Amino acid sequence: TLRSYYDQSLNTASGYLEDIRELKLEEKAKNLYVETTTAVR
């Protein structure tokens, strides 16, 4: 039972990570950081 719960939670977390990667939020956050630091400098 615990193994099935663990596997299910891993699958859910992997799905969330894939959704985030598809939205390219990491790239957007990185671009926002670069633009902000450039402006501050």
All heavy atoms as atom14 arrays in JSON, in Angstrom:
{
  "sequence": "TLRSYYDQSLNTASGYLEDIRELKLEEKAKNLYVETTTAVR",
  "atom14_mask": [
    [1, 1, 1, 1, 1, 1, 1, 0, 0, 0, 0, 0, 0, 0],
    [1, 1, 1, 1, 1, 1, 1, 1, 0, 0, 0, 0, 0, 0],
    [1, 1, 1, 1, 1, 1, 1, 1, 1, 1, 1, 0, 0, 0],
    [1, 1, 1, 1, 1, 1, 0, 0, 0, 0, 0, 0, 0, 0],
    [1, 1, 1, 1, 1, 1, 1, 1, 1, 1, 1, 1, 0, 0],
    [1, 1, 1, 1, 1, 1, 1, 1, 1, 1, 1, 1, 0, 0],
    [1, 1, 1, 1, 1, 1, 1, 1, 0, 0, 0, 0, 0, 0],
    [1, 1, 1, 1, 1, 1, 1, 1, 1, 0, 0, 0, 0, 0],
    [1, 1, 1, 1, 1, 1, 0, 0, 0, 0, 0, 0, 0, 0],
    [1, 1, 1, 1, 1, 1, 1, 1, 0, 0, 0, 0, 0, 0],
    [1, 1, 1, 1, 1, 1, 1, 1, 0, 0, 0, 0, 0, 0],
    [1, 1, 1, 1, 1, 1, 1, 0, 0, 0, 0, 0, 0, 0],
    [1, 1, 1, 1, 1, 0, 0, 0, 0, 0, 0, 0, 0, 0],
    [1, 1, 1, 1, 1, 1, 0, 0, 0, 0, 0, 0, 0, 0],
    [1, 1, 1, 1, 0, 0, 0, 0, 0, 0, 0, 0, 0, 0],
    [1, 1, 1, 1, 1, 1, 1, 1, 1, 1, 1, 1, 0, 0],
    [1, 1, 1, 1, 1, 1, 1, 1, 0, 0, 0, 0, 0, 0],
    [1, 1, 1, 1, 1, 1, 1, 1, 1, 0, 0, 0, 0, 0],
    [1, 1, 1, 1, 1, 1, 1, 1, 0, 0, 0, 0, 0, 0],
    [1, 1, 1, 1, 1, 1, 1, 1, 0, 0, 0, 0, 0, 0],
    [1, 1, 1, 1, 1, 1, 1, 1, 1, 1, 1, 0, 0, 0],
    [1, 1, 1, 1, 1, 1, 1, 1, 1, 0, 0, 0, 0, 0],
    [1, 1, 1, 1, 1, 1, 1, 1, 0, 0, 0, 0, 0, 0],
    [1, 1, 1, 1, 1, 1, 1, 1, 1, 0, 0, 0, 0, 0],
    [1, 1, 1, 1, 1, 1, 1, 1, 0, 0, 0, 0, 0, 0],
    [1, 1, 1, 1, 1, 1, 1, 1, 1, 0, 0, 0, 0, 0],
    [1, 1, 1, 1, 1, 1, 1, 1, 1, 0, 0, 0, 0, 0],
    [1, 1, 1, 1, 1, 1, 1, 1, 1, 0, 0, 0, 0, 0],
    [1, 1, 1, 1, 1, 0, 0, 0, 0, 0, 0, 0, 0, 0],
    [1, 1, 1, 1, 1, 1, 1, 1, 1, 0, 0, 0, 0, 0],
    [1, 1, 1, 1, 1, 1, 1, 1, 0, 0, 0, 0, 0, 0],
    [1, 1, 1, 1, 1, 1, 1, 1, 0, 0, 0, 0, 0, 0],
    [1, 1, 1, 1, 1, 1, 1, 1, 1, 1, 1, 1, 0, 0],
    [1, 1, 1, 1, 1, 1, 1, 0, 0, 0, 0, 0, 0, 0],
    [1, 1, 1, 1, 1, 1, 1, 1, 1, 0, 0, 0, 0, 0],
    [1, 1, 1, 1, 1, 1, 1, 0, 0, 0, 0, 0, 0, 0],
    [1, 1, 1, 1, 1, 1, 1, 0, 0, 0, 0, 0, 0, 0],
    [1, 1, 1, 1, 1, 1, 1, 0, 0, 0, 0, 0, 0, 0],
    [1, 1, 1, 1, 1, 0, 0, 0, 0, 0, 0, 0, 0, 0],
    [1, 1, 1, 1, 1, 1, 1, 0, 0, 0, 0, 0, 0, 0],
    [1, 1, 1, 1, 1, 1, 1, 1, 1, 1, 1, 0, 0, 0]
  ],
  "atom14_positions": [
    [[0.83, -1.2, 0.0], [0.0, 0.0, 0.0], [0.86, 1.25, 0.0], [0.63, 2.18, -0.78], [-0.93, 0.01, 1.23], [-1.73, -1.17, 1.21], [-1.82, 1.23, 1.23], [0.0, 0.0, 0.0], [0.0, 0.0, 0.0], [0.0, 0.0, 0.0], [0.0, 0.0, 0.0], [0.0, 0.0, 0.0], [0.0, 0.0, 0.0], [0.0, 0.0, 0.0]],
    [[1.87, 1.27, 0.87], [2.77, 2.43, 0.92], [3.53, 2.6, -0.39], [3.72, 3.72, -0.86], [3.75, 2.29, 2.09], [3.14, 2.42, 3.47], [4.18, 2.14, 4.53], [2.52, 3.79, 3.67], [0.0, 0.0, 0.0], [0.0, 0.0, 0.0], [0.0, 0.0, 0.0], [0.0, 0.0, 0.0], [0.0, 0.0, 0.0], [0.0, 0.0, 0.0]],
    [[3.95, 1.49, -0.97], [4.66, 1.56, -2.24], [3.76, 2.13, -3.34], [4.21, 2.94, -4.15], [5.17, 0.17, -2.64], [6.13, 0.2, -3.8], [6.76, -1.16, -4.08], [7.63, -1.54, -2.99], [7.52, -2.68, -2.3], [6.58, -3.55, -2.59], [8.36, -2.94, -1.32], [0.0, 0.0, 0.0], [0.0, 0.0, 0.0], [0.0, 0.0, 0.0]],
    [[2.49, 1.75, -3.33], [1.58, 2.28, -4.35], [1.34, 3.78, -4.12], [1.28, 4.55, -5.09], [0.26, 1.52, -4.36], [-0.47, 1.78, -3.18], [0.0, 0.0, 0.0], [0.0, 0.0, 0.0], [0.0, 0.0, 0.0], [0.0, 0.0, 0.0], [0.0, 0.0, 0.0], [0.0, 0.0, 0.0], [0.0, 0.0, 0.0], [0.0, 0.0, 0.0]],
    [[1.21, 4.2, -2.85], [1.05, 5.63, -2.57], [2.29, 6.4, -2.99], [2.21, 7.49, -3.57], [0.8, 5.88, -1.08], [-0.57, 5.47, -0.59], [-0.76, 5.03, 0.71], [-1.68, 5.52, -1.42], [-2.0, 4.65, 1.17], [-2.93, 5.14, -0.98], [-3.08, 4.71, 0.32], [-4.32, 4.35, 0.77], [0.0, 0.0, 0.0], [0.0, 0.0, 0.0]],
    [[3.46, 5.84, -2.7], [4.72, 6.49, -3.07], [4.84, 6.61, -4.59], [5.2, 7.66, -5.11], [5.89, 5.7, -2.49], [7.24, 6.28, -2.82], [7.67, 7.45, -2.21], [8.08, 5.66, -3.74], [8.91, 8.0, -2.5], [9.31, 6.22, -4.03], [9.72, 7.37, -3.42], [10.93, 7.89, -3.73], [0.0, 0.0, 0.0], [0.0, 0.0, 0.0]],
    [[4.54, 5.54, -5.3], [4.6, 5.58, -6.76], [3.62, 6.6, -7.33], [3.95, 7.33, -8.27], [4.3, 4.19, -7.35], [5.41, 3.2, -7.08], [6.55, 3.64, -6.8], [5.13, 1.98, -7.16], [0.0, 0.0, 0.0], [0.0, 0.0, 0.0], [0.0, 0.0, 0.0], [0.0, 0.0, 0.0], [0.0, 0.0, 0.0], [0.0, 0.0, 0.0]],
    [[2.43, 6.65, -6.76], [1.43, 7.6, -7.21], [1.9, 9.04, -6.97], [1.74, 9.91, -7.83], [0.1, 7.36, -6.51], [-1.02, 8.25, -6.98], [-2.31, 7.96, -6.25], [-2.35, 7.15, -5.33], [-3.38, 8.62, -6.65], [0.0, 0.0, 0.0], [0.0, 0.0, 0.0], [0.0, 0.0, 0.0], [0.0, 0.0, 0.0], [0.0, 0.0, 0.0]],
    [[2.5, 9.29, -5.81], [2.98, 10.64, -5.53], [4.14, 11.01, -6.45], [4.24, 12.16, -6.9], [3.39, 10.79, -4.07], [4.48, 9.95, -3.78], [0.0, 0.0, 0.0], [0.0, 0.0, 0.0], [0.0, 0.0, 0.0], [0.0, 0.0, 0.0], [0.0, 0.0, 0.0], [0.0, 0.0, 0.0], [0.0, 0.0, 0.0], [0.0, 0.0, 0.0]],
    [[5.02, 10.06, -6.76], [6.1, 10.33, -7.7], [5.56, 10.64, -9.09], [6.05, 11.55, -9.76], [7.06, 9.14, -7.78], [8.04, 8.98, -6.64], [8.92, 7.77, -6.88], [8.9, 10.21, -6.48], [0.0, 0.0, 0.0], [0.0, 0.0, 0.0], [0.0, 0.0, 0.0], [0.0, 0.0, 0.0], [0.0, 0.0, 0.0], [0.0, 0.0, 0.0]],
    [[4.57, 9.89, -9.52], [3.97, 10.14, -10.83], [3.3, 11.51, -10.88], [3.41, 12.23, -11.88], [2.96, 9.05, -11.18], [3.63, 7.73, -11.44], [4.81, 7.66, -11.79], [2.89, 6.64, -11.28], [0.0, 0.0, 0.0], [0.0, 0.0, 0.0], [0.0, 0.0, 0.0], [0.0, 0.0, 0.0], [0.0, 0.0, 0.0], [0.0, 0.0, 0.0]],
    [[2.63, 11.88, -9.8], [1.99, 13.2, -9.75], [3.03, 14.31, -9.79], [2.89, 15.29, -10.53], [1.14, 13.32, -8.48], [0.18, 12.27, -8.46], [0.43, 14.65, -8.41], [0.0, 0.0, 0.0], [0.0, 0.0, 0.0], [0.0, 0.0, 0.0], [0.0, 0.0, 0.0], [0.0, 0.0, 0.0], [0.0, 0.0, 0.0], [0.0, 0.0, 0.0]],
    [[4.09, 14.16, -9.0], [5.15, 15.17, -8.99], [5.83, 15.26, -10.35], [6.13, 16.36, -10.83], [6.18, 14.85, -7.91], [0.0, 0.0, 0.0], [0.0, 0.0, 0.0], [0.0, 0.0, 0.0], [0.0, 0.0, 0.0], [0.0, 0.0, 0.0], [0.0, 0.0, 0.0], [0.0, 0.0, 0.0], [0.0, 0.0, 0.0], [0.0, 0.0, 0.0]],
    [[6.06, 14.14, -10.98], [6.67, 14.15, -12.32], [5.76, 14.85, -13.32], [6.23, 15.59, -14.18], [6.95, 12.73, -12.79], [7.88, 12.1, -11.96], [0.0, 0.0, 0.0], [0.0, 0.0, 0.0], [0.0, 0.0, 0.0], [0.0, 0.0, 0.0], [0.0, 0.0, 0.0], [0.0, 0.0, 0.0], [0.0, 0.0, 0.0], [0.0, 0.0, 0.0]],
    [[4.47, 14.63, -13.19], [3.52, 15.31, -14.06], [3.55, 16.81, -13.87], [3.51, 17.57, -14.84], [0.0, 0.0, 0.0], [0.0, 0.0, 0.0], [0.0, 0.0, 0.0], [0.0, 0.0, 0.0], [0.0, 0.0, 0.0], [0.0, 0.0, 0.0], [0.0, 0.0, 0.0], [0.0, 0.0, 0.0], [0.0, 0.0, 0.0], [0.0, 0.0, 0.0]],
    [[3.63, 17.25, -12.6], [3.72, 18.68, -12.33], [5.0, 19.27, -12.92], [4.98, 20.36, -13.49], [3.68, 18.96, -10.83], [2.33, 18.73, -10.19], [2.24, 18.38, -8.84], [1.15, 18.87, -10.9], [1.01, 18.17, -8.24], [-0.08, 18.65, -10.3], [-0.14, 18.31, -8.98], [-1.35, 18.11, -8.38], [0.0, 0.0, 0.0], [0.0, 0.0, 0.0]],
    [[6.1, 18.57, -12.78], [7.36, 19.06, -13.35], [7.29, 19.16, -14.86], [7.8, 20.12, -15.45], [8.52, 18.15, -12.94], [8.97, 18.28, -11.5], [10.03, 17.23, -11.18], [9.51, 19.66, -11.22], [0.0, 0.0, 0.0], [0.0, 0.0, 0.0], [0.0, 0.0, 0.0], [0.0, 0.0, 0.0], [0.0, 0.0, 0.0], [0.0, 0.0, 0.0]],
    [[6.67, 18.19, -15.49], [6.52, 18.25, -16.95], [5.65, 19.44, -17.36], [5.95, 20.12, -18.34], [5.92, 16.94, -17.49], [6.9, 15.81, -17.54], [8.07, 16.11, -18.46], [7.88, 16.66, -19.55], [9.21, 15.78, -18.06], [0.0, 0.0, 0.0], [0.0, 0.0, 0.0], [0.0, 0.0, 0.0], [0.0, 0.0, 0.0], [0.0, 0.0, 0.0]],
    [[4.58, 19.68, -16.59], [3.72, 20.83, -16.89], [4.5, 22.14, -16.77], [4.36, 23.04, -17.59], [2.51, 20.87, -15.95], [1.52, 19.75, -16.25], [1.62, 19.15, -17.34], [0.67, 19.48, -15.38], [0.0, 0.0, 0.0], [0.0, 0.0, 0.0], [0.0, 0.0, 0.0], [0.0, 0.0, 0.0], [0.0, 0.0, 0.0], [0.0, 0.0, 0.0]],
    [[5.33, 22.23, -15.74], [6.13, 23.44, -15.55], [7.13, 23.61, -16.68], [7.33, 24.7, -17.21], [6.85, 23.4, -14.18], [5.82, 23.58, -13.07], [7.93, 24.45, -14.09], [6.36, 23.35, -11.69], [0.0, 0.0, 0.0], [0.0, 0.0, 0.0], [0.0, 0.0, 0.0], [0.0, 0.0, 0.0], [0.0, 0.0, 0.0], [0.0, 0.0, 0.0]],
    [[7.75, 22.5, -17.07], [8.72, 22.57, -18.17], [8.05, 22.96, -19.47], [8.61, 23.67, -20.29], [9.44, 21.24, -18.31], [10.48, 21.02, -17.24], [11.33, 19.81, -17.5], [12.23, 19.59, -16.39], [12.32, 18.47, -15.7], [11.56, 17.45, -16.04], [13.15, 18.37, -14.7], [0.0, 0.0, 0.0], [0.0, 0.0, 0.0], [0.0, 0.0, 0.0]],
    [[6.83, 22.47, -19.69], [6.11, 22.81, -20.9], [5.76, 24.3, -20.94], [5.72, 24.91, -22.0], [4.84, 21.98, -21.02], [5.11, 20.52, -21.37], [3.85, 19.7, -21.38], [2.74, 20.25, -21.25], [3.98, 18.46, -21.51], [0.0, 0.0, 0.0], [0.0, 0.0, 0.0], [0.0, 0.0, 0.0], [0.0, 0.0, 0.0], [0.0, 0.0, 0.0]],
    [[5.49, 24.88, -19.79], [5.18, 26.3, -19.73], [6.42, 27.17, -19.86], [6.33, 28.38, -19.99], [4.45, 26.63, -18.42], [3.08, 26.01, -18.25], [2.56, 26.3, -16.85], [2.12, 26.53, -19.29], [0.0, 0.0, 0.0], [0.0, 0.0, 0.0], [0.0, 0.0, 0.0], [0.0, 0.0, 0.0], [0.0, 0.0, 0.0], [0.0, 0.0, 0.0]],
    [[7.57, 26.54, -19.77], [8.86, 27.22, -19.86], [9.0, 28.31, -18.8], [9.52, 29.39, -19.06], [9.08, 27.79, -21.26], [9.12, 26.72, -22.34], [9.39, 27.31, -23.69], [9.4, 26.18, -24.72], [9.63, 26.67, -26.06], [0.0, 0.0, 0.0], [0.0, 0.0, 0.0], [0.0, 0.0, 0.0], [0.0, 0.0, 0.0], [0.0, 0.0, 0.0]],
    [[8.54, 28.0, -17.6], [8.62, 28.97, -16.51], [10.06, 29.18, -16.07], [10.43, 30.28, -15.66], [7.78, 28.52, -15.32], [6.27, 28.53, -15.53], [5.56, 28.03, -14.29], [5.79, 29.92, -15.89], [0.0, 0.0, 0.0], [0.0, 0.0, 0.0], [0.0, 0.0, 0.0], [0.0, 0.0, 0.0], [0.0, 0.0, 0.0], [0.0, 0.0, 0.0]],
    [[10.87, 28.13, -16.16], [12.27, 28.27, -15.78], [12.97, 29.3, -16.67], [13.7, 30.16, -16.19], [12.99, 26.93, -15.88], [12.52, 25.91, -14.88], [13.12, 24.55, -15.12], [14.01, 24.42, -15.98], [12.72, 23.61, -14.42], [0.0, 0.0, 0.0], [0.0, 0.0, 0.0], [0.0, 0.0, 0.0], [0.0, 0.0, 0.0], [0.0, 0.0, 0.0]],
    [[12.71, 29.2, -17.96], [13.33, 30.13, -18.91], [12.81, 31.55, -18.68], [13.59, 32.51, -18.71], [13.03, 29.69, -20.34], [13.7, 30.52, -21.4], [13.4, 30.01, -22.8], [13.16, 28.81, -22.96], [13.41, 30.84, -23.72], [0.0, 0.0, 0.0], [0.0, 0.0, 0.0], [0.0, 0.0, 0.0], [0.0, 0.0, 0.0], [0.0, 0.0, 0.0]],
    [[11.52, 31.69, -18.41], [10.95, 33.01, -18.16], [11.54, 33.63, -16.89], [11.85, 34.81, -16.86], [9.43, 32.91, -18.05], [8.76, 32.61, -19.36], [7.26, 32.48, -19.21], [6.6, 32.11, -20.52], [5.16, 31.94, -20.39], [0.0, 0.0, 0.0], [0.0, 0.0, 0.0], [0.0, 0.0, 0.0], [0.0, 0.0, 0.0], [0.0, 0.0, 0.0]],
    [[11.69, 32.81, -15.86], [12.27, 33.31, -14.61], [13.72, 33.71, -14.82], [14.18, 34.74, -14.3], [12.16, 32.25, -13.52], [0.0, 0.0, 0.0], [0.0, 0.0, 0.0], [0.0, 0.0, 0.0], [0.0, 0.0, 0.0], [0.0, 0.0, 0.0], [0.0, 0.0, 0.0], [0.0, 0.0, 0.0], [0.0, 0.0, 0.0], [0.0, 0.0, 0.0]],
    [[14.46, 32.94, -15.59], [15.86, 33.25, -15.86], [15.96, 34.55, -16.65], [16.8, 35.41, -16.36], [16.51, 32.12, -16.64], [18.01, 32.2, -16.71], [18.61, 31.07, -17.54], [18.3, 29.75, -16.92], [18.93, 28.62, -17.63], [0.0, 0.0, 0.0], [0.0, 0.0, 0.0], [0.0, 0.0, 0.0], [0.0, 0.0, 0.0], [0.0, 0.0, 0.0]],
    [[15.11, 34.72, -17.65], [15.11, 35.96, -18.44], [14.74, 37.16, -17.58], [15.33, 38.24, -17.72], [14.15, 35.84, -19.62], [14.65, 34.89, -20.69], [15.84, 34.57, -20.74], [13.76, 34.42, -21.53], [0.0, 0.0, 0.0], [0.0, 0.0, 0.0], [0.0, 0.0, 0.0], [0.0, 0.0, 0.0], [0.0, 0.0, 0.0], [0.0, 0.0, 0.0]],
    [[13.76, 36.99, -16.7], [13.37, 38.08, -15.81], [14.52, 38.48, -14.91], [14.79, 39.67, -14.71], [12.16, 37.66, -14.98], [11.64, 38.68, -13.97], [11.11, 39.91, -14.7], [10.56, 38.07, -13.12], [0.0, 0.0, 0.0], [0.0, 0.0, 0.0], [0.0, 0.0, 0.0], [0.0, 0.0, 0.0], [0.0, 0.0, 0.0], [0.0, 0.0, 0.0]],
    [[15.26, 37.5, -14.38], [16.41, 37.78, -13.53], [17.48, 38.54, -14.3], [18.03, 39.52, -13.8], [16.98, 36.47, -12.97], [18.25, 36.66, -12.19], [18.22, 37.17, -10.91], [19.47, 36.33, -12.75], [19.38, 37.36, -10.19], [20.65, 36.51, -12.05], [20.61, 37.03, -10.77], [21.76, 37.21, -10.07], [0.0, 0.0, 0.0], [0.0, 0.0, 0.0]],
    [[17.78, 38.1, -15.51], [18.83, 38.74, -16.31], [18.44, 40.19, -16.63], [19.25, 41.11, -16.5], [19.09, 37.94, -17.6], [19.95, 38.72, -18.58], [19.75, 36.61, -17.26], [0.0, 0.0, 0.0], [0.0, 0.0, 0.0], [0.0, 0.0, 0.0], [0.0, 0.0, 0.0], [0.0, 0.0, 0.0], [0.0, 0.0, 0.0], [0.0, 0.0, 0.0]],
    [[17.18, 40.39, -17.03], [16.73, 41.74, -17.36], [16.75, 42.65, -16.14], [17.13, 43.82, -16.22], [15.33, 41.69, -17.96], [15.29, 41.05, -19.34], [13.88, 40.8, -19.83], [12.91, 41.15, -19.11], [13.75, 40.26, -20.94], [0.0, 0.0, 0.0], [0.0, 0.0, 0.0], [0.0, 0.0, 0.0], [0.0, 0.0, 0.0], [0.0, 0.0, 0.0]],
    [[16.34, 42.11, -14.99], [16.32, 42.91, -13.76], [17.72, 43.29, -13.33], [17.98, 44.45, -12.99], [15.61, 42.13, -12.64], [14.29, 41.79, -13.08], [15.53, 42.94, -11.37], [0.0, 0.0, 0.0], [0.0, 0.0, 0.0], [0.0, 0.0, 0.0], [0.0, 0.0, 0.0], [0.0, 0.0, 0.0], [0.0, 0.0, 0.0], [0.0, 0.0, 0.0]],
    [[18.65, 42.33, -13.35], [20.01, 42.65, -12.93], [20.67, 43.62, -13.9], [21.44, 44.49, -13.47], [20.88, 41.38, -12.82], [20.82, 40.65, -14.05], [20.41, 40.5, -11.68], [0.0, 0.0, 0.0], [0.0, 0.0, 0.0], [0.0, 0.0, 0.0], [0.0, 0.0, 0.0], [0.0, 0.0, 0.0], [0.0, 0.0, 0.0], [0.0, 0.0, 0.0]],
    [[20.36, 43.53, -15.18], [20.91, 44.47, -16.15], [20.41, 45.89, -15.86], [21.19, 46.85, -15.86], [20.54, 44.06, -17.58], [21.02, 42.73, -17.82], [21.12, 45.0, -18.6], [0.0, 0.0, 0.0], [0.0, 0.0, 0.0], [0.0, 0.0, 0.0], [0.0, 0.0, 0.0], [0.0, 0.0, 0.0], [0.0, 0.0, 0.0], [0.0, 0.0, 0.0]],
    [[19.11, 46.01, -15.61], [18.54, 47.32, -15.31], [19.1, 47.88, -14.01], [19.44, 49.08, -13.93], [17.02, 47.22, -15.22], [0.0, 0.0, 0.0], [0.0, 0.0, 0.0], [0.0, 0.0, 0.0], [0.0, 0.0, 0.0], [0.0, 0.0, 0.0], [0.0, 0.0, 0.0], [0.0, 0.0, 0.0], [0.0, 0.0, 0.0], [0.0, 0.0, 0.0]],
    [[19.25, 47.06, -12.99], [19.78, 47.53, -11.71], [21.22, 47.99, -11.87], [21.62, 49.03, -11.33], [19.65, 46.43, -10.63], [20.46, 46.77, -9.39], [18.19, 46.23, -10.27], [0.0, 0.0, 0.0], [0.0, 0.0, 0.0], [0.0, 0.0, 0.0], [0.0, 0.0, 0.0], [0.0, 0.0, 0.0], [0.0, 0.0, 0.0], [0.0, 0.0, 0.0]],
    [[22.02, 47.24, -12.63], [23.41, 47.65, -12.85], [23.47, 48.98, -13.6], [24.3, 49.84, -13.28], [24.14, 46.57, -13.65], [24.52, 45.37, -12.85], [25.33, 44.39, -13.67], [25.5, 43.16, -12.92], [25.51, 41.96, -13.45], [25.37, 41.81, -14.75], [25.67, 40.9, -12.69], [0.0, 0.0, 0.0], [0.0, 0.0, 0.0], [0.0, 0.0, 0.0]]
  ]
}
